[in-house]
């Protein structure tokens, strides 16, 4: 089902259809493909635009319904058959790609990168999977995430107040998540504006479970200014054949109002040591964006 057709279907019917498909798919989990690569974040970093670009490639296969399954963060307690039920069968996947080519299957869940237990879970279940990480200026990402949560009705404080409340809101939440795998922490998922931008610490957690050569890190700013070159580098990492004529658009961009200059300065100062750590961690294994070079 294409995104345009899906939008025309009432939400209750979409949910019922997805539930039925996943239930049926779970019973035939052994016949279904597993992901070859996963986009793990960062949320509000341009992953929807990259997801749409990947979907234009003739050898890429997505989950049957939404781009993000949120299995390794929110739904791990449901088990591997439930996860498999979101993907097409091997036969169906082969029919979607160029004849004779191997389908490259993927999903994208932006919360994976920040979730404390997703790396270990994914390494245990999919040790050979490739990971794609898209990083945005953490100051801009924090403000975009705030605007997004406000628009969804999940945030009612001012930006400055939300930043000040973040430590208190998230206090003890990871321990609750550890005790109960089915527990979904609302503040950890929706009010982590600063924590999600401390990229080096998050990447180090993933590097404890995956070798560096399985992780491709890219800057969202470079993807939007130089999409062809940036996508070619990603395609090379994924083993995708070149495909001329691809279109690159920007999706889910939040309308922007000006951020308070003092708040911006405070965030810049906060993220400066984290960005320096990121620069040392990645070295020359990626092309650093302008925000990392201004430190």
Protein backbone atom coordinates (compact mmCIF):
# COMPACT_ATOMS: atom_id res chain seq x y z
CA UNK A 1 0.00 0.00 0.00
CA UNK A 2 1.47 3.36 -1.00
CA UNK A 3 1.63 6.23 1.54
CA UNK A 4 -0.96 8.26 -0.40
CA UNK A 5 -3.44 5.38 -0.45
CA UNK A 6 -2.77 4.60 3.22
CA UNK A 7 -3.63 8.18 4.22
CA UNK A 8 -7.04 7.85 2.58
CA UNK A 9 -7.92 4.83 4.74
CA UNK A 10 -9.56 5.69 8.11
CA UNK A 11 -7.24 5.14 11.09
CA UNK A 12 -9.43 2.45 12.73
CA UNK A 13 -9.33 0.41 9.51
CA UNK A 14 -5.57 0.89 9.23
CA UNK A 15 -5.07 -0.39 12.78
CA UNK A 16 -7.38 -3.35 12.23
CA UNK A 17 -5.65 -4.24 8.96
CA UNK A 18 -2.22 -4.04 10.53
CA UNK A 19 -3.27 -6.17 13.50
CA UNK A 20 -4.72 -8.83 11.20
CA UNK A 21 -1.65 -8.83 8.95
CA UNK A 22 0.78 -9.09 11.84
CA UNK A 23 -1.27 -11.84 13.47
CA UNK A 24 -1.31 -13.81 10.24
CA UNK A 25 2.34 -13.04 9.57
CA UNK A 26 3.36 -14.25 13.01
CA UNK A 27 2.01 -17.69 12.19
CA UNK A 28 4.26 -17.84 9.11
CA UNK A 29 7.29 -16.12 10.65
CA UNK A 30 9.68 -18.78 9.37
CA UNK A 31 8.82 -17.85 5.78
CA UNK A 32 9.49 -14.15 6.22
CA UNK A 33 12.56 -12.04 5.54
CA UNK A 34 14.65 -10.43 8.24
CA UNK A 35 16.04 -6.91 7.93
CA UNK A 36 19.44 -6.49 6.33
CA UNK A 37 19.79 -2.99 7.72
CA UNK A 38 17.99 -0.78 10.22
CA UNK A 39 17.83 2.99 10.54
CA UNK A 40 18.13 3.56 14.28
CA UNK A 41 17.91 7.38 14.41
CA UNK A 42 18.33 10.01 15.38
CA UNK A 43 14.70 11.04 15.68
CA UNK A 44 13.95 14.46 14.13
CA UNK A 45 17.16 14.03 12.18
CA UNK A 46 15.74 13.60 8.68
CA UNK A 47 15.16 9.85 8.81
CA UNK A 48 11.74 10.07 7.15
CA UNK A 49 13.27 11.78 4.12
CA UNK A 50 16.01 9.16 3.94
CA UNK A 51 13.43 6.39 4.34
CA UNK A 52 11.47 7.73 1.35
CA UNK A 53 14.66 8.00 -0.71
CA UNK A 54 15.59 4.40 0.07
CA UNK A 55 12.11 3.31 -0.93
CA UNK A 56 12.77 4.61 -4.44
CA UNK A 57 15.58 2.10 -4.90
CA UNK A 58 14.41 -0.90 -6.89
CA UNK A 59 16.13 -3.45 -4.62
CA UNK A 60 14.98 -2.13 -1.24
CA UNK A 61 12.05 -3.70 0.62
CA UNK A 62 10.33 -2.06 3.58
CA UNK A 63 7.99 -3.42 6.26
CA UNK A 64 4.45 -3.94 5.04
CA UNK A 65 2.89 -1.14 7.09
CA UNK A 66 4.73 1.64 8.93
CA UNK A 67 8.41 2.46 8.48
CA UNK A 68 9.01 1.91 12.20
CA UNK A 69 8.05 -1.29 13.97
CA UNK A 70 9.48 -0.20 17.34
CA UNK A 71 10.22 -3.80 18.24
CA UNK A 72 13.60 -3.47 19.93
CA UNK A 73 12.42 -0.56 22.08
CA UNK A 74 8.67 -0.69 22.83
CA UNK A 75 7.50 -4.14 21.70
CA UNK A 76 10.33 -6.54 22.47
CA UNK A 77 8.16 -8.43 24.95
CA UNK A 78 5.91 -9.50 22.04
CA UNK A 79 8.59 -11.85 20.72
CA UNK A 80 10.39 -12.55 17.42
CA UNK A 81 7.37 -14.01 15.62
CA UNK A 82 5.48 -10.75 16.15
CA UNK A 83 8.44 -8.84 14.69
CA UNK A 84 8.73 -11.17 11.71
CA UNK A 85 5.04 -10.71 11.02
CA UNK A 86 5.68 -7.14 9.89
CA UNK A 87 7.85 -8.21 6.96
CA UNK A 88 6.90 -9.84 3.64
CA UNK A 89 7.63 -13.46 2.84
CA UNK A 90 10.86 -14.26 1.06
CA UNK A 91 8.93 -15.00 -2.12
CA UNK A 92 7.01 -11.72 -1.97
CA UNK A 93 10.20 -9.76 -1.26
CA UNK A 94 11.96 -11.33 -4.24
CA UNK A 95 9.11 -10.28 -6.51
CA UNK A 96 9.49 -6.64 -5.45
CA UNK A 97 13.09 -6.21 -6.63
CA UNK A 98 15.07 -6.40 -9.86
CA UNK A 99 15.03 -9.98 -11.21
CA UNK A 100 18.13 -11.81 -10.06
CA UNK A 101 18.93 -9.27 -7.34
CA UNK A 102 18.87 -9.96 -3.63
CA UNK A 103 16.28 -7.86 -1.78
CA UNK A 104 17.66 -5.49 0.83
CA UNK A 105 15.10 -5.40 3.64
CA UNK A 106 14.98 -2.67 6.26
CA UNK A 107 12.98 -0.80 8.85
CA UNK A 108 13.47 2.55 10.59
CA UNK A 109 12.66 3.37 14.21
CA UNK A 110 14.12 6.64 15.50
CA UNK A 111 13.73 5.72 19.17
CA UNK A 112 16.13 2.76 18.85
CA UNK A 113 19.21 4.96 19.10
CA UNK A 114 18.20 6.45 22.46
CA UNK A 115 16.59 3.39 24.02
CA UNK A 116 18.94 1.93 26.66
CA UNK A 117 18.25 -1.73 25.86
CA UNK A 118 17.79 -1.68 22.09
CA UNK A 119 21.50 -2.24 21.24
CA UNK A 120 21.84 -5.42 23.29
CA UNK A 121 18.51 -6.80 22.09
CA UNK A 122 19.30 -6.13 18.45
CA UNK A 123 22.79 -7.60 18.70
CA UNK A 124 21.35 -10.73 20.25
CA UNK A 125 18.68 -11.22 17.58
CA UNK A 126 20.34 -9.71 14.48
CA UNK A 127 24.12 -9.74 15.04
CA UNK A 128 24.93 -9.22 11.34
CA UNK A 129 22.47 -6.41 10.65
CA UNK A 130 23.87 -3.12 9.33
CA UNK A 131 22.93 0.08 11.16
CA UNK A 132 22.31 3.50 9.64
CA UNK A 133 22.59 6.59 11.84
CA UNK A 134 21.62 10.08 10.69
CA UNK A 135 22.80 12.93 12.92
CA UNK A 136 21.52 16.50 12.93
CA UNK A 137 22.86 19.55 14.72
CA UNK A 138 21.83 18.62 18.28
CA UNK A 139 20.66 22.16 19.06
CA UNK A 140 18.39 22.21 16.02
CA UNK A 141 17.28 18.64 16.71
CA UNK A 142 16.28 19.48 20.29
CA UNK A 143 14.15 22.42 19.19
CA UNK A 144 12.59 20.45 16.34
CA UNK A 145 11.73 17.62 18.74
CA UNK A 146 10.15 20.11 21.13
CA UNK A 147 8.01 21.63 18.35
CA UNK A 148 7.01 18.15 17.24
CA UNK A 149 5.87 17.11 20.71
CA UNK A 150 3.94 20.37 21.12
CA UNK A 151 2.16 19.79 17.81
CA UNK A 152 1.19 16.28 18.94
CA UNK A 153 -0.17 17.54 22.25
CA UNK A 154 2.53 15.77 24.28
CA UNK A 155 4.29 18.91 25.52
CA UNK A 156 2.66 21.91 27.23
CA UNK A 157 5.65 23.72 28.72
CA UNK A 158 7.76 26.44 27.14
CA UNK A 159 10.98 25.26 25.51
CA UNK A 160 13.16 26.66 28.30
CA UNK A 161 10.95 25.10 30.96
CA UNK A 162 10.92 21.74 29.16
CA UNK A 163 14.72 21.74 29.03
CA UNK A 164 14.92 22.52 32.74
CA UNK A 165 12.43 19.77 33.57
CA UNK A 166 14.13 17.07 31.50
CA UNK A 167 16.36 15.59 34.25
CA UNK A 168 13.44 15.44 36.69
CA UNK A 169 11.06 13.99 34.11
CA UNK A 170 13.47 11.23 33.13
CA UNK A 171 14.69 10.43 36.63
CA UNK A 172 14.18 6.75 37.46
CA UNK A 173 12.57 5.93 34.12
CA UNK A 174 15.37 3.68 32.84
CA UNK A 175 15.14 1.57 36.00
CA UNK A 176 11.38 1.19 35.50
CA UNK A 177 12.05 0.11 31.91
CA UNK A 178 14.61 -2.39 33.14
CA UNK A 179 12.18 -3.95 35.61
CA UNK A 180 9.31 -4.27 33.14
CA UNK A 181 10.12 -4.78 29.42
CA UNK A 182 6.51 -3.90 28.57
CA UNK A 183 6.70 -0.55 30.38
CA UNK A 184 6.57 2.36 27.95
CA UNK A 185 8.12 5.46 29.47
CA UNK A 186 6.27 8.52 28.23
CA UNK A 187 8.88 11.06 29.39
CA UNK A 188 11.81 8.99 28.12
CA UNK A 189 10.21 8.76 24.71
CA UNK A 190 8.71 12.24 24.38
CA UNK A 191 10.62 14.63 26.66
CA UNK A 192 14.27 13.73 25.99
CA UNK A 193 15.30 16.84 24.06
CA UNK A 194 18.89 17.12 25.29
CA UNK A 195 19.67 13.47 26.02
CA UNK A 196 18.98 12.38 22.46
CA UNK A 197 21.52 14.87 21.17
CA UNK A 198 24.45 13.56 23.22
CA UNK A 199 25.42 11.46 20.24
CA UNK A 200 28.84 10.19 21.30
CA UNK A 201 27.52 8.49 24.43
CA UNK A 202 24.67 6.93 22.46
CA UNK A 203 26.97 5.65 19.72
CA UNK A 204 29.39 4.21 22.27
CA UNK A 205 26.54 2.15 23.68
CA UNK A 206 25.89 0.71 20.22
CA UNK A 207 29.60 0.16 19.62
CA UNK A 208 29.67 -2.06 22.70
CA UNK A 209 27.50 -4.51 20.77
CA UNK A 210 28.28 -3.92 17.07
CA UNK A 211 31.60 -3.51 15.23
CA UNK A 212 32.26 -0.08 13.73
CA UNK A 213 32.18 -1.48 10.18
CA UNK A 214 28.50 -2.38 10.60
CA UNK A 215 27.50 1.20 11.43
CA UNK A 216 27.17 3.96 8.84
CA UNK A 217 26.98 7.47 10.31
CA UNK A 218 25.85 10.35 8.13
CA UNK A 219 24.95 14.01 8.67
CA UNK A 220 21.43 15.07 7.80
CA UNK A 221 22.63 18.54 6.75
CA UNK A 222 24.87 17.00 4.08
CA UNK A 223 22.08 14.69 2.92
CA UNK A 224 19.84 17.70 2.27
CA UNK A 225 22.51 19.85 0.61
CA UNK A 226 24.31 17.09 -1.32
CA UNK A 227 21.77 14.25 -1.53
CA UNK A 228 23.26 12.41 -4.51
CA UNK A 229 26.77 12.10 -3.07
CA UNK A 230 25.55 11.32 0.43
CA UNK A 231 23.15 8.67 -0.80
CA UNK A 232 25.82 7.10 -3.02
CA UNK A 233 28.04 6.64 0.03
CA UNK A 234 25.18 5.00 1.91
CA UNK A 235 24.31 2.76 -1.04
CA UNK A 236 27.93 1.62 -1.22
CA UNK A 237 27.86 0.71 2.47
CA UNK A 238 24.62 -1.25 2.00
CA UNK A 239 25.78 -2.98 -1.17
CA UNK A 240 23.06 -1.43 -3.32
CA UNK A 241 23.61 -1.04 -7.04
CA UNK A 242 23.64 2.51 -8.48
CA UNK A 243 20.24 3.76 -9.59
CA UNK A 244 20.15 6.99 -11.59
CA UNK A 245 17.21 9.37 -11.55
CA UNK A 246 16.37 9.10 -7.86
CA UNK A 247 14.42 11.98 -6.32
CA UNK A 248 15.22 13.49 -2.97
CA UNK A 249 12.58 15.40 -1.00
CA UNK A 250 12.32 16.65 2.55
CA UNK A 251 9.51 15.26 4.68
CA UNK A 252 8.20 16.01 8.18
CA UNK A 253 9.99 19.35 8.42
CA UNK A 254 8.50 21.30 11.32
CA UNK A 255 7.53 24.95 10.74
CA UNK A 256 10.18 26.96 12.54
CA UNK A 257 9.95 29.99 14.73
CA UNK A 258 13.09 31.60 16.05
CA UNK A 259 14.77 29.99 19.02
CA UNK A 260 15.73 32.36 21.81
CA UNK A 261 19.38 33.33 21.32
CA UNK A 262 20.27 32.84 24.96
CA UNK A 263 18.73 29.36 24.94
CA UNK A 264 20.64 28.56 21.75
CA UNK A 265 23.88 29.67 23.40
CA UNK A 266 23.18 27.54 26.47
CA UNK A 267 22.52 24.49 24.30
CA UNK A 268 25.63 25.16 22.22
CA UNK A 269 27.69 25.29 25.40
CA UNK A 270 26.11 22.10 26.72
CA UNK A 271 26.66 20.13 23.53
CA UNK A 272 30.22 21.42 22.86
CA UNK A 273 32.04 18.70 24.88
CA UNK A 274 29.70 16.02 23.54
CA UNK A 275 30.41 17.15 19.97
CA UNK A 276 34.15 17.12 20.64
CA UNK A 277 33.79 13.57 21.94
CA UNK A 278 31.84 12.67 18.79
CA UNK A 279 34.58 14.11 16.57
CA UNK A 280 37.20 12.00 18.34
CA UNK A 281 35.01 8.91 18.27
CA UNK A 282 34.30 9.03 14.54
CA UNK A 283 37.55 10.59 13.36
CA UNK A 284 37.91 10.42 9.60
CA UNK A 285 35.38 7.60 9.19
CA UNK A 286 32.72 10.09 8.10
CA UNK A 287 32.42 13.57 6.64
CA UNK A 288 31.80 15.96 9.55
CA UNK A 289 28.98 18.49 9.14
CA UNK A 290 29.39 22.25 9.74
CA UNK A 291 27.97 22.10 13.28
CA UNK A 292 30.69 19.68 14.34
CA UNK A 293 33.41 21.88 12.86
CA UNK A 294 32.32 25.03 14.73
CA UNK A 295 33.37 23.65 18.12
